[in-house]
Amino acid sequence: MFPTQSSKNLKYFLYARKSSENEDRQVQSIDDQISRLTQLSKELHLDVIEIFSEAKSAKKPNNRPIFDEMIKRIEAGEAGGILSWQLNRLSRNPIDSGKISWLLQTGILQSIQTIDRQYLPDDNVLLFNVESGMANQYIIELRKNVKRGIESKLAKGWAPNVAPLGYLNNKEDKTIITDPIRFPLIRKMWDMMLTGCYTPPQILTIVNKEWGFRTRKSKRQGDKELSRSGIYKIFTSIFYTGNIEYFGKHYQGNHEAMITLKEYDQVQIILGRKGKPRPQKHSFDFTGIIRCGECGCLFTAETKRKIIKSDSTIKEYTYYHCTRKTNKVICSQRKAIREDRLIQMISSELKKYDLIPQFYAWALDSIGDTEKESSEKSQKIKMTQEETQIKLHKELEELTRMRYRGLIDDSFYLKEKNEIEGKILRLNDILKNTSEVGGRDVETIKNAFIFMSNLMDSFNKKRLEPRKEFLLTIGNDIKIRDGILSVVPHPWFFPIRENYSRLQEEYLRLEPNKLPINCEQNEALVSIRSRWLGDRDSNPN
């Protein structure tokens, strides 16, 4: 441990390092290293001319700028010794270890002093290489063990990372459990998104301002409002379906699923672009959502200015046109559409879904009855599913008994066993969601009708992004061809588009607000109401 007489006259650089990686969590902090090494330098009478420290991993070469600077200054002759806690503070990779070893063998580096021993140019090079190799091997083994641990955890159905919002990491048994506070709130956020009547920014405002939502508190962060990127992260994460995505691979998770895969896919369709959030930063009202009906490219917009000769004022006009950003198809859609014309076409499309108060009231009355029936039907369906589940378990038990008695061979037993177990697994997934689906369907219908009540008044009062979202709520397949706008509605809006306008015309012709109404008018109103509700009055089923 004690330095030679010649090394006492050397100038030393003190080098302290701590990595943020797992391999260094038990190593003393940088301040502790510097303090102990400074004390050692006084005990050994070493001339330390400068202290170097950094928090970087040494498992890869060319990853430590301060270390590289120290080596260059040693090569320049500014110092001939290094004072460090252990050799593994200097290197954990063969390239940096080889560089240090060569400097020591050639005498450019005349001493390496650690907390428990000294390395000199005349020492057996084998000892230095063995200790350096052990530091490098530690990293290799650690990487293998970490990878093995992650793969084992994934195979068992647990994500090897921090649980997303709505879930908590159970530190005792290393599993993931539901967050009793945030889980139901985030499920409600998914429900709102599934109605098609809300956009992520609208949900974000409700969550933060009305619900007072706060993120999970950790040591260094959290207990804040949900961010814009955070809500898109929720709506594009497959973790909430009970599955785990890790480096592009999918695994079946053991954590409680918040939504079904069908619901997840539906939200990705609503979001558009394969589940990625739509571009949110635009300077025009309707860019980013309309595509060319001929070539499929997005429509863009540009503003043109015109000087009015009569009063020398400048007027601005916004035009929308196909970007034609494809070489695969020659697009003939070159005529631009002025924004006021586009707004007229959008208004005409939205009017198909703008409900007058009487039709809205009829719909809400029917929803109340439907909600009750939906609950009763769900219970009946669930009872049937449970009976089927019991029957399948009995079949599996009988199959096992037949195998024990030698009545069937292994191949037949395994084939039938796998088939029955597959049915049980599928039925378990269906059974888990049966009791919730009916209620969510009713909620979807209710929110759709709320959205359509006074639709045009709301649209005319909005600007920019919220205005765009009105069109996206109706449907996300929006195209323009030959100057004509077409919108394919979401499935839950299609029956309304096909039937509502005609029924509204009939209703308004009767002028029911002018009293009194005669028997013939009353019968007509009953007929309109029945057709609006899908003949529900005459046939509740």
Protein backbone atom coordinates (compact mmCIF):
# COMPACT_ATOMS: atom_id res chain seq x y z
CA MET A 1 0.00 0.00 0.00
CA PHE A 2 2.84 2.38 0.77
CA PRO A 3 4.25 4.20 -2.29
CA THR A 4 7.88 3.99 -3.34
CA GLN A 5 10.23 6.86 -2.62
CA SER A 6 10.30 7.89 -6.29
CA SER A 7 6.52 8.00 -6.55
CA LYS A 8 6.30 10.39 -3.61
CA ASN A 9 7.85 13.07 -5.81
CA LEU A 10 5.25 12.56 -8.56
CA LYS A 11 2.39 14.85 -9.30
CA TYR A 12 -0.94 13.05 -9.00
CA PHE A 13 -4.39 13.53 -10.47
CA LEU A 14 -7.18 12.41 -8.13
CA TYR A 15 -9.99 10.74 -10.10
CA ALA A 16 -13.40 9.92 -8.57
CA ARG A 17 -16.31 8.40 -10.49
CA LYS A 18 -19.79 7.18 -9.74
CA SER A 19 -22.16 5.79 -12.30
CA SER A 20 -25.93 6.08 -12.24
CA GLU A 21 -26.12 2.44 -13.34
CA ASN A 22 -27.11 -0.42 -11.01
CA GLU A 23 -23.53 -1.73 -10.89
CA ASP A 24 -22.41 1.28 -8.85
CA ARG A 25 -25.25 1.74 -6.41
CA GLN A 26 -23.24 0.29 -3.55
CA VAL A 27 -20.10 2.28 -4.35
CA GLN A 28 -19.38 5.28 -2.16
CA SER A 29 -20.54 8.64 -3.45
CA ILE A 30 -18.12 10.94 -5.28
CA ASP A 31 -17.80 13.24 -2.26
CA ASP A 32 -16.99 10.26 -0.02
CA GLN A 33 -14.35 9.03 -2.49
CA ILE A 34 -12.70 12.46 -2.72
CA SER A 35 -12.74 12.90 1.05
CA ARG A 36 -11.18 9.49 1.76
CA LEU A 37 -8.62 9.77 -1.06
CA THR A 38 -7.60 13.27 0.04
CA GLN A 39 -6.99 11.89 3.52
CA LEU A 40 -4.95 9.01 2.00
CA SER A 41 -2.85 11.46 -0.03
CA LYS A 42 -1.91 13.27 3.16
CA GLU A 43 -1.05 10.02 4.92
CA LEU A 44 1.17 8.91 2.01
CA HIS A 45 2.52 12.43 1.30
CA LEU A 46 1.29 12.42 -2.31
CA ASP A 47 1.24 15.66 -4.31
CA VAL A 48 -2.30 15.91 -5.72
CA ILE A 49 -2.37 18.85 -8.13
CA GLU A 50 -5.95 18.49 -9.39
CA ILE A 51 -9.15 16.59 -8.69
CA PHE A 52 -11.24 15.11 -11.51
CA SER A 53 -14.76 13.75 -10.89
CA GLU A 54 -17.71 12.71 -13.04
CA ALA A 55 -20.92 10.70 -12.86
CA LYS A 56 -20.60 8.52 -15.96
CA SER A 57 -20.62 4.82 -16.69
CA ALA A 58 -17.25 3.25 -17.54
CA LYS A 59 -18.63 0.15 -19.25
CA LYS A 60 -18.32 1.78 -22.70
CA PRO A 61 -15.21 3.51 -24.14
CA ASN A 62 -15.29 7.20 -25.13
CA ASN A 63 -18.15 7.81 -22.72
CA ARG A 64 -16.27 9.93 -20.13
CA PRO A 65 -15.05 13.33 -21.36
CA ILE A 66 -13.39 14.23 -18.03
CA PHE A 67 -11.50 10.91 -17.91
CA ASP A 68 -10.33 11.43 -21.52
CA GLU A 69 -9.13 14.94 -20.64
CA MET A 70 -7.16 13.58 -17.65
CA ILE A 71 -5.44 10.93 -19.83
CA LYS A 72 -4.46 13.58 -22.43
CA ARG A 73 -2.91 15.74 -19.74
CA ILE A 74 -0.99 12.75 -18.36
CA GLU A 75 0.30 12.04 -21.90
CA ALA A 76 1.33 15.71 -22.08
CA GLY A 77 3.42 15.24 -18.93
CA GLU A 78 1.38 17.37 -16.51
CA ALA A 79 1.19 14.50 -14.00
CA GLY A 80 2.65 11.02 -13.68
CA GLY A 81 0.30 9.38 -11.20
CA ILE A 82 -3.40 8.69 -10.63
CA LEU A 83 -5.05 8.42 -7.23
CA SER A 84 -8.38 6.53 -7.40
CA TRP A 85 -10.60 4.41 -5.16
CA GLN A 86 -10.20 1.17 -7.13
CA LEU A 87 -9.12 0.18 -10.65
CA ASN A 88 -12.78 -0.30 -11.59
CA ARG A 89 -13.27 3.47 -11.05
CA LEU A 90 -10.82 4.01 -13.91
CA SER A 91 -12.25 1.45 -16.32
CA ARG A 92 -14.74 -1.33 -16.81
CA ASN A 93 -14.08 -1.91 -20.52
CA PRO A 94 -11.06 -3.49 -22.29
CA ILE A 95 -10.24 -0.43 -24.44
CA ASP A 96 -9.78 2.04 -21.57
CA SER A 97 -8.08 -0.69 -19.49
CA GLY A 98 -5.62 -1.34 -22.33
CA LYS A 99 -4.87 2.38 -22.66
CA ILE A 100 -4.09 2.71 -18.93
CA SER A 101 -2.03 -0.50 -18.97
CA TRP A 102 0.06 0.72 -21.92
CA LEU A 103 0.71 4.11 -20.32
CA LEU A 104 1.87 2.28 -17.17
CA GLN A 105 4.14 -0.14 -19.09
CA THR A 106 5.78 2.64 -21.12
CA GLY A 107 6.41 4.73 -17.99
CA ILE A 108 4.28 7.69 -19.09
CA LEU A 109 2.06 6.79 -16.16
CA GLN A 110 4.44 5.96 -13.31
CA SER A 111 1.99 5.13 -10.52
CA ILE A 112 -1.64 4.23 -9.88
CA GLN A 113 -2.47 4.45 -6.20
CA THR A 114 -5.74 2.95 -4.95
CA ILE A 115 -7.15 2.78 -1.45
CA ASP A 116 -5.39 -0.55 -0.75
CA ARG A 117 -2.42 -0.91 -3.16
CA GLN A 118 -0.09 0.69 -5.71
CA TYR A 119 0.54 -0.26 -9.36
CA LEU A 120 3.96 0.52 -10.88
CA PRO A 121 5.53 0.10 -14.37
CA ASP A 122 7.83 -2.69 -13.14
CA ASP A 123 4.96 -4.75 -11.65
CA ASN A 124 3.86 -7.99 -13.23
CA VAL A 125 1.51 -6.89 -16.03
CA LEU A 126 -0.55 -10.03 -15.50
CA LEU A 127 -1.82 -8.81 -12.12
CA PHE A 128 -3.04 -5.51 -13.56
CA ASN A 129 -4.72 -7.21 -16.50
CA VAL A 130 -6.43 -9.76 -14.25
CA GLU A 131 -7.92 -7.08 -12.02
CA SER A 132 -8.96 -4.97 -15.03
CA GLY A 133 -10.46 -8.06 -16.64
CA MET A 134 -12.43 -8.81 -13.48
CA ALA A 135 -13.95 -5.31 -13.60
CA ASN A 136 -14.90 -5.83 -17.24
CA GLN A 137 -16.27 -9.33 -16.58
CA TYR A 138 -18.42 -7.92 -13.77
CA ILE A 139 -20.20 -5.73 -16.32
CA ILE A 140 -20.69 -8.65 -18.72
CA GLU A 141 -22.16 -10.85 -15.99
CA LEU A 142 -24.32 -8.00 -14.70
CA ARG A 143 -25.73 -7.41 -18.19
CA LYS A 144 -26.54 -11.11 -18.53
CA ASN A 145 -28.18 -11.26 -15.12
CA VAL A 146 -30.24 -8.14 -15.72
CA LYS A 147 -31.38 -9.42 -19.10
CA ARG A 148 -32.21 -12.83 -17.61
CA GLY A 149 -34.14 -11.16 -14.79
CA ILE A 150 -36.14 -8.99 -17.19
CA GLU A 151 -36.99 -11.93 -19.44
CA SER A 152 -38.05 -14.00 -16.41
CA LYS A 153 -40.28 -11.21 -15.15
CA LEU A 154 -41.89 -10.73 -18.56
CA ALA A 155 -42.49 -14.49 -18.86
CA LYS A 156 -44.29 -14.36 -15.52
CA GLY A 157 -46.52 -11.55 -16.81
CA TRP A 158 -45.05 -8.53 -15.00
CA ALA A 159 -43.66 -5.38 -16.57
CA PRO A 160 -40.03 -4.70 -15.55
CA ASN A 161 -40.47 -0.95 -15.26
CA VAL A 162 -42.43 1.77 -13.48
CA ALA A 163 -46.17 1.15 -13.61
CA PRO A 164 -48.15 3.66 -15.70
CA LEU A 165 -50.80 5.95 -14.22
CA GLY A 166 -53.66 3.94 -12.76
CA TYR A 167 -51.34 1.25 -11.42
CA LEU A 168 -48.77 0.93 -8.63
CA ASN A 169 -45.56 -1.08 -8.25
CA ASN A 170 -45.90 -3.52 -5.34
CA LYS A 171 -42.38 -3.47 -3.90
CA GLU A 172 -42.97 -6.45 -1.61
CA ASP A 173 -43.64 -9.09 -4.25
CA LYS A 174 -42.41 -7.13 -7.30
CA THR A 175 -45.82 -7.12 -9.01
CA ILE A 176 -48.13 -4.41 -10.34
CA ILE A 177 -51.43 -3.62 -8.64
CA THR A 178 -54.22 -1.16 -9.35
CA ASP A 179 -54.09 2.34 -7.91
CA PRO A 180 -57.35 2.59 -5.92
CA ILE A 181 -57.51 6.36 -6.46
CA ARG A 182 -56.50 6.80 -10.11
CA PHE A 183 -57.59 3.49 -11.69
CA PRO A 184 -61.34 4.36 -11.82
CA LEU A 185 -60.58 7.91 -12.98
CA ILE A 186 -58.45 6.76 -15.90
CA ARG A 187 -61.09 4.14 -16.79
CA LYS A 188 -63.57 7.04 -16.97
CA MET A 189 -61.15 8.89 -19.28
CA TRP A 190 -61.15 5.87 -21.61
CA ASP A 191 -64.97 5.82 -21.47
CA MET A 192 -65.12 9.48 -22.46
CA MET A 193 -62.75 8.85 -25.36
CA LEU A 194 -64.80 5.84 -26.50
CA THR A 195 -67.95 7.96 -26.83
CA GLY A 196 -66.33 9.81 -29.72
CA CYS A 197 -67.68 13.05 -28.26
CA TYR A 198 -64.47 14.19 -26.57
CA THR A 199 -60.95 14.87 -27.78
CA PRO A 200 -57.83 14.27 -25.65
CA PRO A 201 -57.34 18.03 -25.04
CA GLN A 202 -60.97 18.37 -23.93
CA ILE A 203 -60.63 15.39 -21.58
CA LEU A 204 -57.36 16.83 -20.25
CA THR A 205 -59.11 20.08 -19.30
CA ILE A 206 -61.92 18.22 -17.52
CA VAL A 207 -59.49 15.92 -15.70
CA ASN A 208 -57.23 18.71 -14.42
CA LYS A 209 -59.69 21.54 -13.82
CA GLU A 210 -62.89 19.76 -12.80
CA TRP A 211 -61.62 16.51 -11.26
CA GLY A 212 -58.48 18.00 -9.69
CA PHE A 213 -56.44 15.05 -10.99
CA ARG A 214 -52.79 14.80 -9.87
CA THR A 215 -50.09 12.41 -10.99
CA ARG A 216 -48.55 9.85 -8.65
CA LYS A 217 -46.04 11.33 -6.18
CA SER A 218 -42.49 9.99 -6.21
CA LYS A 219 -39.27 11.07 -4.51
CA ARG A 220 -38.30 13.63 -7.13
CA GLN A 221 -41.41 14.37 -9.15
CA GLY A 222 -45.16 13.90 -9.48
CA ASP A 223 -48.17 15.38 -7.69
CA LYS A 224 -48.79 17.57 -10.74
CA GLU A 225 -51.56 18.03 -13.29
CA LEU A 226 -51.68 15.51 -16.12
CA SER A 227 -49.74 16.83 -19.12
CA ARG A 228 -50.79 16.90 -22.76
CA SER A 229 -48.19 14.28 -23.66
CA GLY A 230 -49.27 12.25 -20.63
CA ILE A 231 -52.87 11.88 -21.79
CA TYR A 232 -51.77 10.75 -25.27
CA LYS A 233 -49.41 8.28 -23.60
CA ILE A 234 -52.39 6.82 -21.74
CA PHE A 235 -54.56 6.53 -24.85
CA THR A 236 -51.81 4.85 -26.92
CA SER A 237 -50.51 2.41 -24.27
CA ILE A 238 -51.49 -1.23 -24.75
CA PHE A 239 -50.61 -1.86 -21.08
CA TYR A 240 -54.18 -0.93 -20.13
CA THR A 241 -55.49 -3.97 -22.07
CA GLY A 242 -53.59 -6.36 -19.77
CA ASN A 243 -50.71 -6.77 -22.23
CA ILE A 244 -47.09 -5.62 -21.98
CA GLU A 245 -45.04 -4.10 -24.79
CA TYR A 246 -41.28 -4.24 -24.21
CA PHE A 247 -38.79 -3.30 -26.93
CA GLY A 248 -41.26 -4.05 -29.70
CA LYS A 249 -42.40 -7.42 -28.31
CA HIS A 250 -45.77 -8.14 -26.71
CA TYR A 251 -46.33 -10.26 -23.62
CA GLN A 252 -49.47 -11.38 -21.77
CA GLY A 253 -49.55 -9.49 -18.47
CA ASN A 254 -50.89 -10.62 -15.10
CA HIS A 255 -51.96 -7.13 -14.03
CA GLU A 256 -55.66 -6.26 -14.04
CA ALA A 257 -56.82 -5.05 -17.45
CA MET A 258 -58.55 -1.67 -17.51
CA ILE A 259 -59.98 -1.99 -21.05
CA THR A 260 -60.45 -4.65 -23.69
CA LEU A 261 -58.39 -4.95 -26.86
CA LYS A 262 -61.50 -4.03 -28.84
CA GLU A 263 -61.87 -0.80 -26.88
CA TYR A 264 -58.17 -0.05 -27.33
CA ASP A 265 -58.42 -0.53 -31.11
CA GLN A 266 -61.49 1.69 -31.23
CA VAL A 267 -59.66 4.53 -29.50
CA GLN A 268 -56.72 4.16 -31.90
CA ILE A 269 -59.15 4.55 -34.79
CA ILE A 270 -60.63 7.66 -33.17
CA LEU A 271 -57.13 9.09 -32.66
CA GLY A 272 -56.14 8.23 -36.23
CA ARG A 273 -52.75 7.42 -37.76
CA LYS A 274 -52.42 3.95 -36.23
CA GLY A 275 -52.87 5.17 -32.71
CA LYS A 276 -50.45 8.09 -32.82
CA PRO A 277 -51.75 11.49 -31.74
CA ARG A 278 -52.82 13.72 -34.58
CA PRO A 279 -50.70 16.83 -35.18
CA GLN A 280 -51.93 19.51 -32.83
CA LYS A 281 -50.00 22.58 -33.93
CA HIS A 282 -51.62 24.21 -36.95
CA SER A 283 -52.19 27.78 -37.91
CA PHE A 284 -55.29 26.87 -39.93
CA ASP A 285 -58.67 25.57 -38.80
CA PHE A 286 -58.95 22.29 -40.72
CA THR A 287 -55.49 21.14 -41.81
CA GLY A 288 -54.32 17.71 -40.72
CA ILE A 289 -57.74 16.00 -40.92
CA ILE A 290 -58.93 16.26 -44.54
CA ARG A 291 -57.52 14.03 -47.27
CA CYS A 292 -57.74 14.11 -51.03
CA GLY A 293 -60.41 11.75 -52.32
CA GLU A 294 -58.25 10.89 -55.35
CA CYS A 295 -54.65 10.41 -54.17
CA GLY A 296 -55.15 10.18 -50.38
CA CYS A 297 -52.73 12.99 -49.51
CA LEU A 298 -53.56 15.46 -46.77
CA PHE A 299 -55.03 18.86 -47.60
CA THR A 300 -52.93 21.86 -46.69
CA ALA A 301 -53.83 25.54 -46.46
CA GLU A 302 -52.31 28.85 -47.41
CA THR A 303 -53.32 32.47 -46.96
CA LYS A 304 -53.37 34.91 -49.87
CA ARG A 305 -53.69 38.66 -49.57
CA LYS A 306 -55.52 40.96 -51.94
CA ILE A 307 -55.44 44.77 -52.08
CA ILE A 308 -58.87 46.34 -52.49
CA LYS A 309 -58.40 49.25 -54.90
CA SER A 310 -61.38 51.25 -53.67
CA ASP A 311 -60.06 51.85 -50.16
CA SER A 312 -56.51 50.33 -50.38
CA THR A 313 -57.32 47.86 -47.61
CA ILE A 314 -55.82 44.38 -47.54
CA LYS A 315 -58.07 41.32 -47.29
CA GLU A 316 -56.88 37.86 -46.47
CA TYR A 317 -58.33 34.67 -47.94
CA THR A 318 -57.46 31.14 -46.84
CA TYR A 319 -57.47 28.36 -49.43
CA TYR A 320 -57.29 24.58 -48.92
CA HIS A 321 -55.83 22.22 -51.53
CA CYS A 322 -54.25 18.77 -51.90
CA THR A 323 -50.54 18.60 -51.06
CA ARG A 324 -50.00 15.96 -53.79
CA LYS A 325 -47.06 14.56 -51.80
CA THR A 326 -46.82 11.22 -53.56
CA ASN A 327 -45.06 9.93 -56.66
CA LYS A 328 -47.22 6.82 -56.95
CA VAL A 329 -50.35 8.54 -58.31
CA ILE A 330 -50.85 11.53 -60.60
CA CYS A 331 -53.48 13.66 -58.85
CA SER A 332 -55.79 15.86 -60.88
CA GLN A 333 -57.28 17.65 -57.85
CA ARG A 334 -55.60 21.03 -58.36
CA LYS A 335 -58.49 23.39 -57.67
CA ALA A 336 -58.27 25.08 -54.26
CA ILE A 337 -61.29 25.59 -51.98
CA ARG A 338 -61.76 28.83 -50.11
CA GLU A 339 -62.22 28.47 -46.35
CA ASP A 340 -65.69 30.05 -46.24
CA ARG A 341 -66.87 27.49 -48.82
CA LEU A 342 -65.31 24.68 -46.80
CA ILE A 343 -67.08 25.89 -43.64
CA GLN A 344 -70.38 25.89 -45.52
CA MET A 345 -69.84 22.26 -46.54
CA ILE A 346 -68.89 21.28 -42.99
CA SER A 347 -71.97 23.06 -41.62
CA SER A 348 -74.17 21.18 -44.09
CA GLU A 349 -72.62 17.90 -42.91
CA LEU A 350 -73.08 18.72 -39.22
CA LYS A 351 -76.72 19.77 -39.74
CA LYS A 352 -77.50 16.12 -40.44
CA TYR A 353 -76.82 15.43 -36.76
CA ASP A 354 -78.14 18.65 -35.14
CA LEU A 355 -81.08 17.50 -33.01
CA ILE A 356 -84.01 19.74 -32.17
CA PRO A 357 -85.08 19.67 -28.47
CA GLN A 358 -88.05 17.29 -28.89
CA PHE A 359 -86.01 14.56 -30.58
CA TYR A 360 -83.27 15.00 -27.96
CA ALA A 361 -85.82 14.60 -25.14
CA TRP A 362 -87.32 11.49 -26.76
CA ALA A 363 -83.83 9.98 -27.05
CA LEU A 364 -83.02 10.59 -23.38
CA ASP A 365 -86.33 9.04 -22.30
CA SER A 366 -85.55 5.95 -24.34
CA ILE A 367 -82.00 5.75 -23.00
CA GLY A 368 -83.36 5.53 -19.45
CA ASP A 369 -85.44 2.49 -20.38
CA THR A 370 -82.59 1.01 -22.42
CA GLU A 371 -80.20 1.34 -19.51
CA LYS A 372 -82.47 -0.77 -17.32
CA GLU A 373 -82.99 -3.40 -20.04
CA SER A 374 -79.26 -3.44 -20.82
CA SER A 375 -78.48 -4.21 -17.18
CA GLU A 376 -81.05 -7.03 -17.10
CA LYS A 377 -79.75 -8.50 -20.36
CA SER A 378 -76.16 -8.34 -19.12
CA GLN A 379 -77.13 -10.31 -16.03
CA LYS A 380 -78.87 -12.97 -18.10
CA ILE A 381 -75.93 -13.22 -20.48
CA LYS A 382 -73.55 -13.48 -17.54
CA MET A 383 -75.60 -16.31 -15.99
CA THR A 384 -75.52 -18.22 -19.28
CA GLN A 385 -71.76 -17.69 -19.57
CA GLU A 386 -71.19 -18.89 -16.01
CA GLU A 387 -73.24 -22.02 -16.69
CA THR A 388 -71.16 -22.69 -19.80
CA GLN A 389 -67.99 -22.17 -17.78
CA ILE A 390 -69.10 -24.75 -15.17
CA LYS A 391 -69.94 -27.19 -17.95
CA LEU A 392 -66.49 -26.80 -19.54
CA HIS A 393 -64.76 -27.44 -16.21
CA LYS A 394 -66.83 -30.61 -15.76
CA GLU A 395 -65.84 -31.74 -19.27
CA LEU A 396 -62.19 -31.17 -18.39
CA GLU A 397 -62.54 -33.20 -15.17
CA GLU A 398 -64.28 -36.05 -17.01
CA LEU A 399 -61.56 -36.02 -19.69
CA THR A 400 -58.87 -36.31 -16.98
CA ARG A 401 -60.68 -39.24 -15.33
CA MET A 402 -60.92 -41.02 -18.70
CA ARG A 403 -57.16 -40.62 -19.16
CA TYR A 404 -56.45 -42.03 -15.70
CA ARG A 405 -58.60 -45.07 -16.49
CA GLY A 406 -56.74 -45.64 -19.75
CA LEU A 407 -59.84 -45.11 -21.87
CA ILE A 408 -58.06 -42.57 -24.10
CA ASP A 409 -54.42 -42.15 -25.16
CA ASP A 410 -52.10 -39.16 -24.55
CA SER A 411 -52.47 -37.59 -27.98
CA PHE A 412 -56.28 -37.52 -27.83
CA TYR A 413 -56.19 -36.31 -24.21
CA LEU A 414 -53.82 -33.43 -24.94
CA LYS A 415 -55.74 -32.36 -28.03
CA GLU A 416 -59.10 -32.27 -26.23
CA LYS A 417 -57.56 -30.73 -23.09
CA ASN A 418 -56.00 -27.83 -25.05
CA GLU A 419 -59.27 -27.24 -26.89
CA ILE A 420 -61.33 -27.09 -23.68
CA GLU A 421 -58.80 -24.92 -21.87
CA GLY A 422 -58.79 -22.53 -24.84
CA LYS A 423 -62.56 -22.22 -24.60
CA ILE A 424 -62.31 -21.56 -20.86
CA LEU A 425 -59.72 -18.81 -21.36
CA ARG A 426 -61.77 -17.09 -24.05
CA LEU A 427 -64.90 -17.35 -21.95
CA ASN A 428 -63.07 -15.90 -18.91
CA ASP A 429 -62.12 -12.82 -20.94
CA ILE A 430 -65.68 -12.39 -22.21
CA LEU A 431 -67.16 -13.00 -18.75
CA LYS A 432 -64.84 -10.42 -17.19
CA ASN A 433 -66.21 -7.68 -19.43
CA THR A 434 -69.86 -8.69 -19.84
CA SER A 435 -71.15 -6.80 -16.82
CA GLU A 436 -69.44 -3.58 -17.94
CA VAL A 437 -70.08 -3.56 -21.67
CA GLY A 438 -73.82 -2.88 -21.50
CA GLY A 439 -73.37 0.14 -19.27
CA ARG A 440 -70.61 1.53 -21.46
CA ASP A 441 -72.76 1.14 -24.58
CA VAL A 442 -75.53 3.15 -22.93
CA GLU A 443 -73.00 5.80 -21.87
CA THR A 444 -71.73 6.01 -25.45
CA ILE A 445 -75.26 6.54 -26.78
CA LYS A 446 -76.08 9.13 -24.12
CA ASN A 447 -72.97 11.20 -24.82
CA ALA A 448 -73.57 11.00 -28.55
CA PHE A 449 -77.02 12.57 -28.12
CA ILE A 450 -75.66 15.23 -25.76
CA PHE A 451 -73.08 16.11 -28.42
CA MET A 452 -75.76 16.43 -31.11
CA SER A 453 -78.00 18.70 -29.03
CA ASN A 454 -77.55 22.29 -30.29
CA LEU A 455 -74.65 21.08 -32.40
CA MET A 456 -74.65 23.96 -34.89
CA ASP A 457 -74.81 26.69 -32.22
CA SER A 458 -71.78 25.16 -30.52
CA PHE A 459 -69.89 24.80 -33.81
CA ASN A 460 -70.46 28.41 -34.84
CA LYS A 461 -69.07 29.67 -31.52
CA LYS A 462 -65.82 27.68 -31.67
CA ARG A 463 -62.53 28.56 -33.30
CA LEU A 464 -59.42 26.67 -34.48
CA GLU A 465 -58.71 23.30 -32.84
CA PRO A 466 -62.07 22.80 -31.05
CA ARG A 467 -63.84 23.55 -34.35
CA LYS A 468 -61.83 20.88 -36.10
CA GLU A 469 -62.73 18.35 -33.42
CA PHE A 470 -66.46 18.73 -34.14
CA LEU A 471 -65.87 17.19 -37.55
CA LEU A 472 -63.61 14.47 -36.15
CA THR A 473 -66.25 13.53 -33.58
CA ILE A 474 -68.64 12.64 -36.41
CA GLY A 475 -66.06 10.57 -38.30
CA ASN A 476 -62.34 10.39 -39.09
CA ASP A 477 -62.63 9.41 -42.77
CA ILE A 478 -62.90 12.96 -44.19
CA LYS A 479 -62.19 13.54 -47.87
CA ILE A 480 -62.66 16.16 -50.61
CA ARG A 481 -62.90 15.28 -54.27
CA ASP A 482 -63.99 17.58 -57.10
CA GLY A 483 -64.82 20.25 -54.55
CA ILE A 484 -67.23 18.02 -52.59
CA LEU A 485 -66.76 17.12 -48.92
CA SER A 486 -67.58 13.60 -47.74
CA VAL A 487 -67.49 12.29 -44.18
CA VAL A 488 -67.93 8.60 -43.32
CA PRO A 489 -69.54 8.68 -39.85
CA HIS A 490 -68.60 6.48 -36.94
CA PRO A 491 -70.91 3.42 -36.75
CA TRP A 492 -73.00 4.85 -33.90
CA PHE A 493 -73.85 7.98 -35.99
CA PHE A 494 -74.77 6.19 -39.22
CA PRO A 495 -78.43 5.32 -38.40
CA ILE A 496 -79.07 8.92 -37.32
CA ARG A 497 -77.67 10.33 -40.56
CA GLU A 498 -79.86 8.01 -42.59
CA ASN A 499 -83.17 8.58 -40.76
CA TYR A 500 -83.18 11.79 -38.74
CA SER A 501 -83.55 14.46 -41.47
CA ARG A 502 -86.68 12.88 -42.95
CA LEU A 503 -88.32 12.44 -39.54
CA GLN A 504 -87.51 16.01 -38.56
CA GLU A 505 -89.18 17.34 -41.72
CA GLU A 506 -92.33 15.35 -40.92
CA TYR A 507 -92.32 16.63 -37.35
CA LEU A 508 -91.91 20.29 -38.34
CA ARG A 509 -94.73 20.05 -40.93
CA LEU A 510 -97.12 19.11 -38.12
CA GLU A 511 -96.27 22.33 -36.25
CA PRO A 512 -96.91 20.63 -32.85
CA ASN A 513 -96.15 23.84 -30.94
CA LYS A 514 -99.34 25.43 -32.27
CA LEU A 515 -102.16 24.15 -30.09
CA PRO A 516 -104.48 22.45 -30.20
CA ILE A 517 -103.45 19.39 -32.23
CA ASN A 518 -106.03 17.01 -33.62
CA CYS A 519 -106.15 13.20 -33.38
CA GLU A 520 -104.60 12.77 -36.81
CA GLN A 521 -101.62 14.94 -35.83
CA ASN A 522 -101.26 13.07 -32.55
CA GLU A 523 -101.14 9.71 -34.36
CA ALA A 524 -98.52 11.13 -36.71
CA LEU A 525 -96.40 12.26 -33.76
CA VAL A 526 -96.62 8.79 -32.22
CA SER A 527 -95.53 7.31 -35.53
CA ILE A 528 -92.55 9.68 -35.81
CA ARG A 529 -91.49 8.94 -32.24
CA SER A 530 -91.71 5.18 -32.84
CA ARG A 531 -89.60 5.35 -35.98
CA TRP A 532 -87.07 7.66 -34.31
CA LEU A 533 -86.66 5.16 -31.48
CA GLY A 534 -86.49 2.19 -33.83
CA ASP A 535 -90.15 1.11 -33.18
CA ARG A 536 -89.23 0.76 -29.53
CA ASP A 537 -92.74 1.71 -28.30
CA SER A 538 -94.41 -1.13 -30.20
CA ASN A 539 -91.54 -3.59 -29.82
CA PRO A 540 -89.28 -2.89 -26.81
CA ASN A 541 -86.98 -5.76 -27.78
